[in-house]
C-alpha atoms as a PDB file:
ATOM      1  CA  UNK A   1    -212.294 -36.572  42.961  1.00  0.00           C
ATOM      2  CA  UNK A   2    -211.748 -39.272  45.523  1.00  0.00           C
ATOM      3  CA  UNK A   3    -211.368 -41.904  42.821  1.00  0.00           C
ATOM      4  CA  UNK A   4    -208.653 -39.873  41.104  1.00  0.00           C
ATOM      5  CA  UNK A   5    -206.702 -39.439  44.319  1.00  0.00           C
ATOM      6  CA  UNK A   6    -207.012 -43.134  45.080  1.00  0.00           C
ATOM      7  CA  UNK A   7    -205.805 -44.064  41.611  1.00  0.00           C
ATOM      8  CA  UNK A   8    -202.696 -41.866  41.851  1.00  0.00           C
ATOM      9  CA  UNK A   9    -201.917 -43.367  45.254  1.00  0.00           C
ATOM     10  CA  UNK A  10    -202.195 -46.845  43.736  1.00  0.00           C
ATOM     11  CA  UNK A  11    -199.742 -45.864  41.006  1.00  0.00           C
ATOM     12  CA  UNK A  12    -197.159 -44.644  43.523  1.00  0.00           C
ATOM     13  CA  UNK A  13    -197.646 -47.794  45.595  1.00  0.00           C
ATOM     14  CA  UNK A  14    -197.208 -50.091  42.594  1.00  0.00           C
ATOM     15  CA  UNK A  15    -193.979 -48.307  41.635  1.00  0.00           C
ATOM     16  CA  UNK A  16    -192.606 -48.783  45.151  1.00  0.00           C
ATOM     17  CA  UNK A  17    -193.572 -52.460  45.078  1.00  0.00           C
ATOM     18  CA  UNK A  18    -191.965 -52.897  41.662  1.00  0.00           C
ATOM     19  CA  UNK A  19    -188.751 -51.271  42.899  1.00  0.00           C
ATOM     20  CA  UNK A  20    -188.628 -53.539  45.961  1.00  0.00           C
ATOM     21  CA  UNK A  21    -189.355 -56.578  43.785  1.00  0.00           C
ATOM     22  CA  UNK A  22    -186.581 -55.589  41.381  1.00  0.00           C
ATOM     23  CA  UNK A  23    -184.047 -55.262  44.200  1.00  0.00           C
ATOM     24  CA  UNK A  24    -185.191 -58.568  45.687  1.00  0.00           C
ATOM     25  CA  UNK A  25    -184.975 -60.269  42.297  1.00  0.00           C
ATOM     26  CA  UNK A  26    -181.437 -58.969  41.762  1.00  0.00           C
ATOM     27  CA  UNK A  27    -180.442 -60.098  45.262  1.00  0.00           C
ATOM     28  CA  UNK A  28    -181.952 -63.541  44.652  1.00  0.00           C
ATOM     29  CA  UNK A  29    -179.937 -63.822  41.442  1.00  0.00           C
ATOM     30  CA  UNK A  30    -176.792 -63.760  43.612  1.00  0.00           C
ATOM     31  CA  UNK A  31    -177.691 -65.978  46.576  1.00  0.00           C
ATOM     32  CA  UNK A  32    -174.420 -65.697  48.525  1.00  0.00           C
ATOM     33  CA  UNK A  33    -175.299 -65.357  52.227  1.00  0.00           C
ATOM     34  CA  UNK A  34    -174.932 -61.825  53.559  1.00  0.00           C
ATOM     35  CA  UNK A  35    -174.499 -60.306  50.106  1.00  0.00           C
ATOM     36  CA  UNK A  36    -178.030 -58.899  49.754  1.00  0.00           C
ATOM     37  CA  UNK A  37    -177.244 -55.380  50.942  1.00  0.00           C
ATOM     38  CA  UNK A  38    -173.960 -55.004  49.074  1.00  0.00           C
ATOM     39  CA  UNK A  39    -175.625 -56.282  45.901  1.00  0.00           C
ATOM     40  CA  UNK A  40    -178.387 -53.708  46.320  1.00  0.00           C
ATOM     41  CA  UNK A  41    -175.987 -50.815  46.849  1.00  0.00           C
ATOM     42  CA  UNK A  42    -173.890 -51.826  43.822  1.00  0.00           C
ATOM     43  CA  UNK A  43    -176.891 -51.168  41.566  1.00  0.00           C
ATOM     44  CA  UNK A  44    -176.720 -47.793  39.887  1.00  0.00           C
ATOM     45  CA  UNK A  45    -179.886 -45.657  39.711  1.00  0.00           C
ATOM     46  CA  UNK A  46    -179.907 -46.379  35.968  1.00  0.00           C
ATOM     47  CA  UNK A  47    -179.899 -50.141  36.615  1.00  0.00           C
ATOM     48  CA  UNK A  48    -182.804 -49.790  39.040  1.00  0.00           C
ATOM     49  CA  UNK A  49    -184.701 -47.566  36.616  1.00  0.00           C
ATOM     50  CA  UNK A  50    -184.218 -50.096  33.796  1.00  0.00           C
ATOM     51  CA  UNK A  51    -185.343 -53.036  35.958  1.00  0.00           C
ATOM     52  CA  UNK A  52    -188.406 -51.172  37.187  1.00  0.00           C
ATOM     53  CA  UNK A  53    -189.255 -50.101  33.634  1.00  0.00           C
ATOM     54  CA  UNK A  54    -189.017 -53.731  32.496  1.00  0.00           C
ATOM     55  CA  UNK A  55    -191.289 -54.900  35.322  1.00  0.00           C
ATOM     56  CA  UNK A  56    -193.848 -52.101  35.033  1.00  0.00           C
ATOM     57  CA  UNK A  57    -193.922 -52.245  31.256  1.00  0.00           C
END
């Protein structure tokens, strides 16, 4: 039981990490100073979902 709970927690954590990595990767692709936040907000949920799906596999 404990192993199952731990595994599901790991899955949620890895998805959060992948999402952060995807946003960071997109921000790094456009390295203008001060543009990180505006670049992140310009991503649509579909863009984020596609990037995360590509990273997670």
